[in-house]
Structure formats: structure tokens, C-alpha cells
Amino acid sequence: MTSEPPRRRRRRLAASVRLVGALLLVGFAYTAFAPGLAAQEGPLSPAAGEGKGMFETKCITCHGRNAQGVPDRGPSLIGVGAASVEFQVSTGRMPMARHEAQAQPKPPLWEGEELERNIAALSAYIQELGGGPQIPGNLPTLLDGANAANGGELYRINCSSCHAYSGGGGALSSGKRAPSLMNASERQIYAAMLTGPQNMPVFGDNQLTPAEKADIIAFIRTLQDDGDPGGVFNLGRFGPATEGAAIFLVGIVALVFATLWIAGKS
């Protein structure tokens, strides 16, 4: 039996070395740039340490030990940011009672100062795990200088198609729904624009600047503070389509009964 020529052996050896080198390079690159694999380096801040304890008690079943997510239970929280945590927890959407078309708002787990403290701790932990969007610290200053008129124009362009012109919300596809904004807080509205929960698109600072987001919030506040001209029969404040349909149905029924009454009298 003839032995393999030295040149062919060298080519095979070179090909093996190149393959191993390529695999090592891909592994190093993936470890460096994949946020889900980035281990927590260094000690956590006190707030984040407290948040980690709450996470392991309330969230780990659905979101995994390292917040990497669990298939068919909950998504990864790496990179969602503190703003997403504040929105989901403060509105009671998390923890979810059951899997539905979308997370339903409900009373949160805590109240008052306890709610604020626990949200701050959970937010700090998730923020330190993978970063992400945060509600700006100067939000009160932005709101003080907000322009509600400009916010109304921005709202009608970007928000009214789902949340309705009056902020009452509306139905979406596949059993989902855009919620009413009448009970939403300023921070919840800002966090929703920043993170895009469920079907809502993300309005990053490239799409709407922080000042424009504050203008939209100022406009929504005018809707929340505005008296209801419909009184008890406000029909959800969904606009002229609902009002026209109600007037048509009530009018037709009244005309039918009036016609039957006149016919019976004659």
C-alpha cells in the first residue's frame, strides 16, 4: 500500500487548521457581541441586588435564571431596559396570569411606595444585565415645557389610528386591542412610546424626540382632564362613527314604533 503524498497531507492539515481557526473566531465574536451570553461582571449595585432577589422570586419561572427567556413561557429580558420593566410592572401586565393574545392590564402586585421601590429595584437589575431604553431623569422638566397643541398634531399622526382620536383605545387584529389612555400615567405613556409593548411600534428618539414625546403626553393630559360632553351616554368617546350609528339605530327604532302606533290608531 502506498503512503499518502506529503503535499496532500500538508493540504489536509492546513484545511483543518483553517477550520479550527474559523470556528474559534466565530466563537469569540459571538461571545463578544451576543448580549444574551454576556455574564454579569463585577458586583451589582444595591438596588440591582435587591431587584435580583425579586426577579428570582417573581420572574424566573417565565424569563429564566439569567433573564434569557424560556420557550413558550416568556421572552428574553436582555436589552429591554428599565423603561419596559416600569411599564409592564406598573400597569400590572407582568406577571401575566395566563397566556393570551396580549398581556392584560390589572392591579399591580404592590401599591404606593412599595410599588415604586420594587419597580426601581427590578428596573436597576434588568438595566445592569443588558442595558436598554430608560425614562429620562429630566422628564418633569420636559413636561413643564411641553406644547399640547404640537402634541395633538403628533398624536393624530402617530397614535390616533390605534388609540382613537379621543384616547379611548380600539380593537386590533387577532384578538388584540390598543388600550385606553385615560388612566395612563405620564411615565407609563413615555415608557410605552420608548419600548413599544405588544403591537405598539417603538418610537425611539430618532422617530420622536424626548421633547415631542413630552408634547404628546401633554396633549393626552388635556384629554384626561377634559370634561365629557356626552355625560352618561358618552358611547366610549370613539368619535362620530359610533355616535352616527347610535343615532341611526335609535332613530330607526323610534320611527318604526311611531309608524306602528299611527297605523294602530287609524
C-alpha atoms as a PDB file:
ATOM      1  CA  MET A   1       0.000   0.000   0.000  1.00  0.00           C
ATOM      2  CA  THR A   2       1.375   3.375  -0.987  1.00  0.00           C
ATOM      3  CA  SER A   3       1.515   6.110   1.621  1.00  0.00           C
ATOM      4  CA  GLU A   4      -0.265   9.442   1.108  1.00  0.00           C
ATOM      5  CA  PRO A   5       1.893  12.031  -0.642  1.00  0.00           C
ATOM      6  CA  PRO A   6       3.353  14.667   1.741  1.00  0.00           C
ATOM      7  CA  ARG A   7       1.801  17.517  -0.262  1.00  0.00           C
ATOM      8  CA  ARG A   8      -1.731  16.129   0.186  1.00  0.00           C
ATOM      9  CA  ARG A   9      -1.141  15.626   3.933  1.00  0.00           C
ATOM     10  CA  ARG A  10       0.013  19.226   4.257  1.00  0.00           C
ATOM     11  CA  ARG A  11      -3.103  20.450   2.409  1.00  0.00           C
ATOM     12  CA  ARG A  12      -5.384  18.445   4.725  1.00  0.00           C
ATOM     13  CA  LEU A  13      -3.539  19.719   7.789  1.00  0.00           C
ATOM     14  CA  ALA A  14      -3.792  23.320   6.547  1.00  0.00           C
ATOM     15  CA  ALA A  15      -7.514  22.898   5.868  1.00  0.00           C
ATOM     16  CA  SER A  16      -8.043  21.531   9.386  1.00  0.00           C
ATOM     17  CA  VAL A  17      -6.124  24.428  10.918  1.00  0.00           C
ATOM     18  CA  ARG A  18      -8.153  26.948   8.926  1.00  0.00           C
ATOM     19  CA  LEU A  19     -11.420  25.274  10.007  1.00  0.00           C
ATOM     20  CA  VAL A  20     -10.448  25.308  13.675  1.00  0.00           C
ATOM     21  CA  GLY A  21      -9.317  28.934  13.396  1.00  0.00           C
ATOM     22  CA  ALA A  22     -12.591  29.961  11.759  1.00  0.00           C
ATOM     23  CA  LEU A  23     -14.629  28.213  14.467  1.00  0.00           C
ATOM     24  CA  LEU A  24     -12.597  29.903  17.214  1.00  0.00           C
ATOM     25  CA  LEU A  25     -13.030  33.293  15.521  1.00  0.00           C
ATOM     26  CA  VAL A  26     -16.808  32.842  15.246  1.00  0.00           C
ATOM     27  CA  GLY A  27     -16.981  31.708  18.874  1.00  0.00           C
ATOM     28  CA  PHE A  28     -15.030  34.728  20.124  1.00  0.00           C
ATOM     29  CA  ALA A  29     -17.131  37.121  18.020  1.00  0.00           C
ATOM     30  CA  TYR A  30     -20.407  35.600  19.217  1.00  0.00           C
ATOM     31  CA  THR A  31     -19.325  35.752  22.840  1.00  0.00           C
ATOM     32  CA  ALA A  32     -18.304  39.371  22.456  1.00  0.00           C
ATOM     33  CA  PHE A  33     -21.390  40.657  20.658  1.00  0.00           C
ATOM     34  CA  ALA A  34     -24.287  38.416  21.765  1.00  0.00           C
ATOM     35  CA  PRO A  35     -25.890  40.240  24.726  1.00  0.00           C
ATOM     36  CA  GLY A  36     -27.689  37.151  25.931  1.00  0.00           C
ATOM     37  CA  LEU A  37     -24.395  35.451  26.760  1.00  0.00           C
ATOM     38  CA  ALA A  38     -22.736  38.365  28.465  1.00  0.00           C
ATOM     39  CA  ALA A  39     -22.291  37.342  32.069  1.00  0.00           C
ATOM     40  CA  GLN A  40     -22.666  39.881  34.811  1.00  0.00           C
ATOM     41  CA  GLU A  41     -19.177  41.120  35.621  1.00  0.00           C
ATOM     42  CA  GLY A  42     -18.444  42.768  38.919  1.00  0.00           C
ATOM     43  CA  PRO A  43     -20.799  43.259  41.846  1.00  0.00           C
ATOM     44  CA  LEU A  44     -24.331  44.509  41.363  1.00  0.00           C
ATOM     45  CA  SER A  45     -25.417  47.842  42.764  1.00  0.00           C
ATOM     46  CA  PRO A  46     -27.503  47.660  45.968  1.00  0.00           C
ATOM     47  CA  ALA A  47     -30.732  48.423  44.076  1.00  0.00           C
ATOM     48  CA  ALA A  48     -29.928  45.838  41.392  1.00  0.00           C
ATOM     49  CA  GLY A  49     -29.061  43.272  44.053  1.00  0.00           C
ATOM     50  CA  GLU A  50     -32.464  43.792  45.642  1.00  0.00           C
ATOM     51  CA  GLY A  51     -34.060  43.548  42.204  1.00  0.00           C
ATOM     52  CA  LYS A  52     -32.286  40.277  41.522  1.00  0.00           C
ATOM     53  CA  GLY A  53     -33.839  38.784  44.652  1.00  0.00           C
ATOM     54  CA  MET A  54     -37.312  39.836  43.486  1.00  0.00           C
ATOM     55  CA  PHE A  55     -36.604  38.584  39.969  1.00  0.00           C
ATOM     56  CA  GLU A  56     -35.677  35.147  41.284  1.00  0.00           C
ATOM     57  CA  THR A  57     -38.900  35.076  43.304  1.00  0.00           C
ATOM     58  CA  LYS A  58     -41.408  36.519  40.818  1.00  0.00           C
ATOM     59  CA  CYS A  59     -39.970  36.271  37.305  1.00  0.00           C
ATOM     60  CA  ILE A  60     -37.500  33.419  36.961  1.00  0.00           C
ATOM     61  CA  THR A  61     -40.124  30.768  36.067  1.00  0.00           C
ATOM     62  CA  CYS A  62     -41.038  32.502  32.790  1.00  0.00           C
ATOM     63  CA  HIS A  63     -37.932  34.522  31.976  1.00  0.00           C
ATOM     64  CA  GLY A  64     -35.175  32.110  33.008  1.00  0.00           C
ATOM     65  CA  ARG A  65     -32.392  32.180  35.568  1.00  0.00           C
ATOM     66  CA  ASN A  66     -30.360  34.751  33.624  1.00  0.00           C
ATOM     67  CA  ALA A  67     -33.352  36.555  32.085  1.00  0.00           C
ATOM     68  CA  GLN A  68     -32.574  34.806  28.799  1.00  0.00           C
ATOM     69  CA  GLY A  69     -36.225  33.787  28.347  1.00  0.00           C
ATOM     70  CA  VAL A  70     -37.989  30.415  28.417  1.00  0.00           C
ATOM     71  CA  PRO A  71     -39.599  28.995  25.239  1.00  0.00           C
ATOM     72  CA  ASP A  72     -43.423  29.173  25.289  1.00  0.00           C
ATOM     73  CA  ARG A  73     -43.327  30.959  28.649  1.00  0.00           C
ATOM     74  CA  GLY A  74     -41.629  34.322  28.439  1.00  0.00           C
ATOM     75  CA  PRO A  75     -39.216  36.314  26.239  1.00  0.00           C
ATOM     76  CA  SER A  76     -35.660  37.321  26.991  1.00  0.00           C
ATOM     77  CA  LEU A  77     -35.297  40.488  29.061  1.00  0.00           C
ATOM     78  CA  ILE A  78     -31.737  41.173  27.945  1.00  0.00           C
ATOM     79  CA  GLY A  79     -31.727  44.639  26.395  1.00  0.00           C
ATOM     80  CA  VAL A  80     -35.364  45.566  27.128  1.00  0.00           C
ATOM     81  CA  GLY A  81     -34.251  48.263  29.554  1.00  0.00           C
ATOM     82  CA  ALA A  82     -35.648  49.807  32.706  1.00  0.00           C
ATOM     83  CA  ALA A  83     -38.436  51.589  30.813  1.00  0.00           C
ATOM     84  CA  SER A  84     -40.010  48.299  29.734  1.00  0.00           C
ATOM     85  CA  VAL A  85     -39.872  46.928  33.271  1.00  0.00           C
ATOM     86  CA  GLU A  86     -41.574  50.035  34.660  1.00  0.00           C
ATOM     87  CA  PHE A  87     -44.351  49.914  32.059  1.00  0.00           C
ATOM     88  CA  GLN A  88     -45.085  46.201  32.371  1.00  0.00           C
ATOM     89  CA  VAL A  89     -44.968  46.045  36.178  1.00  0.00           C
ATOM     90  CA  SER A  90     -46.686  49.361  36.967  1.00  0.00           C
ATOM     91  CA  THR A  91     -49.646  48.524  34.703  1.00  0.00           C
ATOM     92  CA  GLY A  92     -49.977  45.012  36.153  1.00  0.00           C
ATOM     93  CA  ARG A  93     -49.297  43.331  32.814  1.00  0.00           C
ATOM     94  CA  MET A  94     -46.466  41.430  34.472  1.00  0.00           C
ATOM     95  CA  PRO A  95     -46.621  38.903  35.903  1.00  0.00           C
ATOM     96  CA  MET A  96     -49.163  37.502  33.434  1.00  0.00           C
ATOM     97  CA  ALA A  97     -51.993  35.472  34.897  1.00  0.00           C
ATOM     98  CA  ARG A  98     -52.252  33.382  31.708  1.00  0.00           C
ATOM     99  CA  HIS A  99     -51.108  33.462  28.096  1.00  0.00           C
ATOM    100  CA  GLU A 100     -53.484  35.445  25.889  1.00  0.00           C
ATOM    101  CA  ALA A 101     -53.346  37.405  22.651  1.00  0.00           C
ATOM    102  CA  GLN A 102     -51.741  40.184  24.667  1.00  0.00           C
ATOM    103  CA  ALA A 103     -50.960  40.941  28.290  1.00  0.00           C
ATOM    104  CA  GLN A 104     -53.965  42.474  30.030  1.00  0.00           C
ATOM    105  CA  PRO A 105     -53.594  45.386  32.467  1.00  0.00           C
ATOM    106  CA  LYS A 106     -54.619  44.637  36.043  1.00  0.00           C
ATOM    107  CA  PRO A 107     -53.816  45.933  39.548  1.00  0.00           C
ATOM    108  CA  PRO A 108     -50.056  45.555  40.139  1.00  0.00           C
ATOM    109  CA  LEU A 109     -48.611  43.252  42.781  1.00  0.00           C
ATOM    110  CA  TRP A 110     -47.724  46.153  45.081  1.00  0.00           C
ATOM    111  CA  GLU A 111     -49.086  49.595  45.891  1.00  0.00           C
ATOM    112  CA  GLY A 112     -47.795  53.069  46.713  1.00  0.00           C
ATOM    113  CA  GLU A 113     -44.202  53.446  47.882  1.00  0.00           C
ATOM    114  CA  GLU A 114     -43.655  49.688  47.868  1.00  0.00           C
ATOM    115  CA  LEU A 115     -44.573  49.568  44.177  1.00  0.00           C
ATOM    116  CA  GLU A 116     -42.183  52.428  43.339  1.00  0.00           C
ATOM    117  CA  ARG A 117     -39.344  50.875  45.349  1.00  0.00           C
ATOM    118  CA  ASN A 118     -39.760  47.412  43.832  1.00  0.00           C
ATOM    119  CA  ILE A 119     -40.042  48.795  40.289  1.00  0.00           C
ATOM    120  CA  ALA A 120     -36.844  50.777  40.827  1.00  0.00           C
ATOM    121  CA  ALA A 121     -35.041  47.653  42.067  1.00  0.00           C
ATOM    122  CA  LEU A 122     -36.251  45.380  39.255  1.00  0.00           C
ATOM    123  CA  SER A 123     -35.507  48.072  36.682  1.00  0.00           C
ATOM    124  CA  ALA A 124     -31.972  48.516  38.008  1.00  0.00           C
ATOM    125  CA  TYR A 125     -31.324  44.770  37.812  1.00  0.00           C
ATOM    126  CA  ILE A 126     -32.596  44.381  34.238  1.00  0.00           C
ATOM    127  CA  GLN A 127     -30.753  47.545  33.191  1.00  0.00           C
ATOM    128  CA  GLU A 128     -27.461  46.244  34.558  1.00  0.00           C
ATOM    129  CA  LEU A 129     -27.975  42.857  32.904  1.00  0.00           C
ATOM    130  CA  GLY A 130     -28.191  44.098  29.324  1.00  0.00           C
ATOM    131  CA  GLY A 131     -28.908  47.826  29.098  1.00  0.00           C
ATOM    132  CA  GLY A 132     -31.762  49.237  27.059  1.00  0.00           C
ATOM    133  CA  PRO A 133     -34.061  52.284  26.979  1.00  0.00           C
ATOM    134  CA  GLN A 134     -34.640  54.287  30.153  1.00  0.00           C
ATOM    135  CA  ILE A 135     -37.103  57.038  31.026  1.00  0.00           C
ATOM    136  CA  PRO A 136     -35.048  60.254  31.158  1.00  0.00           C
ATOM    137  CA  GLY A 137     -34.424  61.746  34.561  1.00  0.00           C
ATOM    138  CA  ASN A 138     -35.430  65.203  33.326  1.00  0.00           C
ATOM    139  CA  LEU A 139     -38.945  64.086  32.344  1.00  0.00           C
ATOM    140  CA  PRO A 140     -40.642  66.558  34.756  1.00  0.00           C
ATOM    141  CA  THR A 141     -38.681  69.412  33.144  1.00  0.00           C
ATOM    142  CA  LEU A 142     -39.659  68.229  29.666  1.00  0.00           C
ATOM    143  CA  LEU A 143     -43.313  68.081  30.684  1.00  0.00           C
ATOM    144  CA  ASP A 144     -43.220  71.573  32.207  1.00  0.00           C
ATOM    145  CA  GLY A 145     -42.171  72.998  28.841  1.00  0.00           C
ATOM    146  CA  ALA A 146     -44.392  70.746  26.705  1.00  0.00           C
ATOM    147  CA  ASN A 147     -46.611  72.098  23.912  1.00  0.00           C
ATOM    148  CA  ALA A 148     -50.004  70.366  23.985  1.00  0.00           C
ATOM    149  CA  ALA A 149     -51.040  71.833  20.612  1.00  0.00           C
ATOM    150  CA  ASN A 150     -48.000  70.353  18.883  1.00  0.00           C
ATOM    151  CA  GLY A 151     -48.596  67.133  20.827  1.00  0.00           C
ATOM    152  CA  GLY A 152     -52.127  66.963  19.445  1.00  0.00           C
ATOM    153  CA  GLU A 153     -50.820  67.096  15.886  1.00  0.00           C
ATOM    154  CA  LEU A 154     -48.205  64.433  16.626  1.00  0.00           C
ATOM    155  CA  TYR A 155     -50.818  62.282  18.373  1.00  0.00           C
ATOM    156  CA  ARG A 156     -53.197  62.413  15.412  1.00  0.00           C
ATOM    157  CA  ILE A 157     -50.390  61.405  13.043  1.00  0.00           C
ATOM    158  CA  ASN A 158     -48.794  58.644  15.124  1.00  0.00           C
ATOM    159  CA  CYS A 159     -51.286  57.400  17.723  1.00  0.00           C
ATOM    160  CA  SER A 160     -54.917  58.041  16.777  1.00  0.00           C
ATOM    161  CA  SER A 161     -55.151  55.189  14.272  1.00  0.00           C
ATOM    162  CA  CYS A 162     -54.950  52.694  17.160  1.00  0.00           C
ATOM    163  CA  HIS A 163     -55.859  54.620  20.315  1.00  0.00           C
ATOM    164  CA  ALA A 164     -58.637  56.681  18.630  1.00  0.00           C
ATOM    165  CA  TYR A 165     -58.788  60.459  18.452  1.00  0.00           C
ATOM    166  CA  SER A 166     -60.142  60.686  21.979  1.00  0.00           C
ATOM    167  CA  GLY A 167     -57.644  58.229  23.513  1.00  0.00           C
ATOM    168  CA  GLY A 168     -60.313  55.630  24.224  1.00  0.00           C
ATOM    169  CA  GLY A 169     -58.444  52.781  22.509  1.00  0.00           C
ATOM    170  CA  GLY A 170     -59.706  50.383  19.875  1.00  0.00           C
ATOM    171  CA  ALA A 171     -59.676  46.842  18.533  1.00  0.00           C
ATOM    172  CA  LEU A 172     -56.730  45.440  16.559  1.00  0.00           C
ATOM    173  CA  SER A 173     -56.264  42.200  14.641  1.00  0.00           C
ATOM    174  CA  SER A 174     -56.010  38.669  16.095  1.00  0.00           C
ATOM    175  CA  GLY A 175     -57.904  39.488  19.292  1.00  0.00           C
ATOM    176  CA  LYS A 176     -55.538  42.260  20.331  1.00  0.00           C
ATOM    177  CA  ARG A 177     -56.501  45.748  21.439  1.00  0.00           C
ATOM    178  CA  ALA A 178     -54.989  49.196  21.792  1.00  0.00           C
ATOM    179  CA  PRO A 179     -55.793  50.170  25.394  1.00  0.00           C
ATOM    180  CA  SER A 180     -57.448  53.345  26.585  1.00  0.00           C
ATOM    181  CA  LEU A 181     -55.082  56.131  27.627  1.00  0.00           C
ATOM    182  CA  MET A 182     -57.499  57.727  30.075  1.00  0.00           C
ATOM    183  CA  ASN A 183     -55.919  56.169  33.168  1.00  0.00           C
ATOM    184  CA  ALA A 184     -52.303  56.002  31.965  1.00  0.00           C
ATOM    185  CA  SER A 185     -49.686  57.967  33.894  1.00  0.00           C
ATOM    186  CA  GLU A 186     -47.128  60.255  32.280  1.00  0.00           C
ATOM    187  CA  ARG A 187     -44.290  57.793  32.912  1.00  0.00           C
ATOM    188  CA  GLN A 188     -46.309  54.866  31.552  1.00  0.00           C
ATOM    189  CA  ILE A 189     -47.075  56.743  28.332  1.00  0.00           C
ATOM    190  CA  TYR A 190     -43.426  57.733  27.873  1.00  0.00           C
ATOM    191  CA  ALA A 191     -42.246  54.176  28.596  1.00  0.00           C
ATOM    192  CA  ALA A 192     -44.758  52.746  26.106  1.00  0.00           C
ATOM    193  CA  MET A 193     -43.543  55.072  23.342  1.00  0.00           C
ATOM    194  CA  LEU A 194     -39.957  54.205  24.161  1.00  0.00           C
ATOM    195  CA  THR A 195     -40.356  50.411  24.289  1.00  0.00           C
ATOM    196  CA  GLY A 196     -43.351  49.550  22.058  1.00  0.00           C
ATOM    197  CA  PRO A 197     -45.187  46.912  24.125  1.00  0.00           C
ATOM    198  CA  GLN A 198     -47.197  44.243  22.292  1.00  0.00           C
ATOM    199  CA  ASN A 199     -48.344  45.535  18.858  1.00  0.00           C
ATOM    200  CA  MET A 200     -47.254  49.114  19.508  1.00  0.00           C
ATOM    201  CA  PRO A 201     -44.303  50.333  17.408  1.00  0.00           C
ATOM    202  CA  VAL A 202     -41.201  51.679  19.103  1.00  0.00           C
ATOM    203  CA  PHE A 203     -40.873  55.452  18.915  1.00  0.00           C
ATOM    204  CA  GLY A 204     -37.191  55.909  19.602  1.00  0.00           C
ATOM    205  CA  ASP A 205     -35.585  59.302  19.924  1.00  0.00           C
ATOM    206  CA  ASN A 206     -34.858  59.204  16.182  1.00  0.00           C
ATOM    207  CA  GLN A 207     -38.582  58.986  15.416  1.00  0.00           C
ATOM    208  CA  LEU A 208     -39.895  61.266  18.176  1.00  0.00           C
ATOM    209  CA  THR A 209     -37.516  63.393  20.207  1.00  0.00           C
ATOM    210  CA  PRO A 210     -37.911  63.480  24.009  1.00  0.00           C
ATOM    211  CA  ALA A 211     -39.493  66.944  23.678  1.00  0.00           C
ATOM    212  CA  GLU A 212     -42.016  65.627  21.128  1.00  0.00           C
ATOM    213  CA  LYS A 213     -42.873  62.697  23.386  1.00  0.00           C
ATOM    214  CA  ALA A 214     -43.489  65.205  26.181  1.00  0.00           C
ATOM    215  CA  ASP A 215     -45.754  67.206  23.841  1.00  0.00           C
ATOM    216  CA  ILE A 216     -47.834  64.081  23.139  1.00  0.00           C
ATOM    217  CA  ILE A 217     -48.110  63.385  26.865  1.00  0.00           C
ATOM    218  CA  ALA A 218     -49.250  66.979  27.436  1.00  0.00           C
ATOM    219  CA  PHE A 219     -51.977  66.519  24.822  1.00  0.00           C
ATOM    220  CA  ILE A 220     -53.118  63.238  26.391  1.00  0.00           C
ATOM    221  CA  ARG A 221     -53.315  65.013  29.743  1.00  0.00           C
ATOM    222  CA  THR A 222     -55.752  67.505  28.193  1.00  0.00           C
ATOM    223  CA  LEU A 223     -57.874  64.553  27.058  1.00  0.00           C
ATOM    224  CA  GLN A 224     -57.777  63.062  30.542  1.00  0.00           C
ATOM    225  CA  ASP A 225     -58.710  66.376  32.201  1.00  0.00           C
ATOM    226  CA  ASP A 226     -61.341  67.305  29.633  1.00  0.00           C
ATOM    227  CA  GLY A 227     -64.972  67.103  30.721  1.00  0.00           C
ATOM    228  CA  ASP A 228     -67.105  64.547  28.941  1.00  0.00           C
ATOM    229  CA  PRO A 229     -69.700  66.396  26.827  1.00  0.00           C
ATOM    230  CA  GLY A 230     -71.600  63.154  26.351  1.00  0.00           C
ATOM    231  CA  GLY A 231     -72.258  62.767  30.059  1.00  0.00           C
ATOM    232  CA  VAL A 232     -73.511  59.310  30.944  1.00  0.00           C
ATOM    233  CA  PHE A 233     -74.165  58.455  27.289  1.00  0.00           C
ATOM    234  CA  ASN A 234     -70.622  59.074  26.057  1.00  0.00           C
ATOM    235  CA  LEU A 235     -70.560  55.940  23.824  1.00  0.00           C
ATOM    236  CA  GLY A 236     -66.943  55.363  24.760  1.00  0.00           C
ATOM    237  CA  ARG A 237     -65.851  58.621  23.116  1.00  0.00           C
ATOM    238  CA  PHE A 238     -64.880  56.710  19.983  1.00  0.00           C
ATOM    239  CA  GLY A 239     -65.903  59.531  17.661  1.00  0.00           C
ATOM    240  CA  PRO A 240     -68.551  60.365  15.052  1.00  0.00           C
ATOM    241  CA  ALA A 241     -68.811  56.841  13.597  1.00  0.00           C
ATOM    242  CA  THR A 242     -70.115  55.388  16.866  1.00  0.00           C
ATOM    243  CA  GLU A 243     -72.333  58.388  17.506  1.00  0.00           C
ATOM    244  CA  GLY A 244     -73.777  58.261  13.973  1.00  0.00           C
ATOM    245  CA  ALA A 245     -74.518  54.532  14.278  1.00  0.00           C
ATOM    246  CA  ALA A 246     -76.240  55.059  17.633  1.00  0.00           C
ATOM    247  CA  ILE A 247     -78.340  57.935  16.296  1.00  0.00           C
ATOM    248  CA  PHE A 248     -79.294  55.876  13.221  1.00  0.00           C
ATOM    249  CA  LEU A 249     -80.352  52.839  15.260  1.00  0.00           C
ATOM    250  CA  VAL A 250     -82.256  54.873  17.850  1.00  0.00           C
ATOM    251  CA  GLY A 251     -83.905  56.955  15.127  1.00  0.00           C
ATOM    252  CA  ILE A 252     -84.974  53.944  13.038  1.00  0.00           C
ATOM    253  CA  VAL A 253     -86.411  52.163  16.092  1.00  0.00           C
ATOM    254  CA  ALA A 254     -88.317  55.317  17.078  1.00  0.00           C
ATOM    255  CA  LEU A 255     -89.683  55.709  13.549  1.00  0.00           C
ATOM    256  CA  VAL A 256     -90.800  52.053  13.408  1.00  0.00           C
ATOM    257  CA  PHE A 257     -92.656  52.330  16.714  1.00  0.00           C
ATOM    258  CA  ALA A 258     -94.180  55.657  15.672  1.00  0.00           C
ATOM    259  CA  THR A 259     -95.358  54.091  12.403  1.00  0.00           C
ATOM    260  CA  LEU A 260     -96.891  51.106  14.190  1.00  0.00           C
ATOM    261  CA  TRP A 261     -98.616  53.406  16.688  1.00  0.00           C
ATOM    262  CA  ILE A 262    -100.076  55.579  13.927  1.00  0.00           C
ATOM    263  CA  ALA A 263    -101.210  52.509  11.979  1.00  0.00           C
ATOM    264  CA  GLY A 264    -102.837  51.069  15.076  1.00  0.00           C
ATOM    265  CA  LYS A 265    -104.702  54.314  15.787  1.00  0.00           C
ATOM    266  CA  SER A 266    -106.041  54.535  12.261  1.00  0.00           C
END
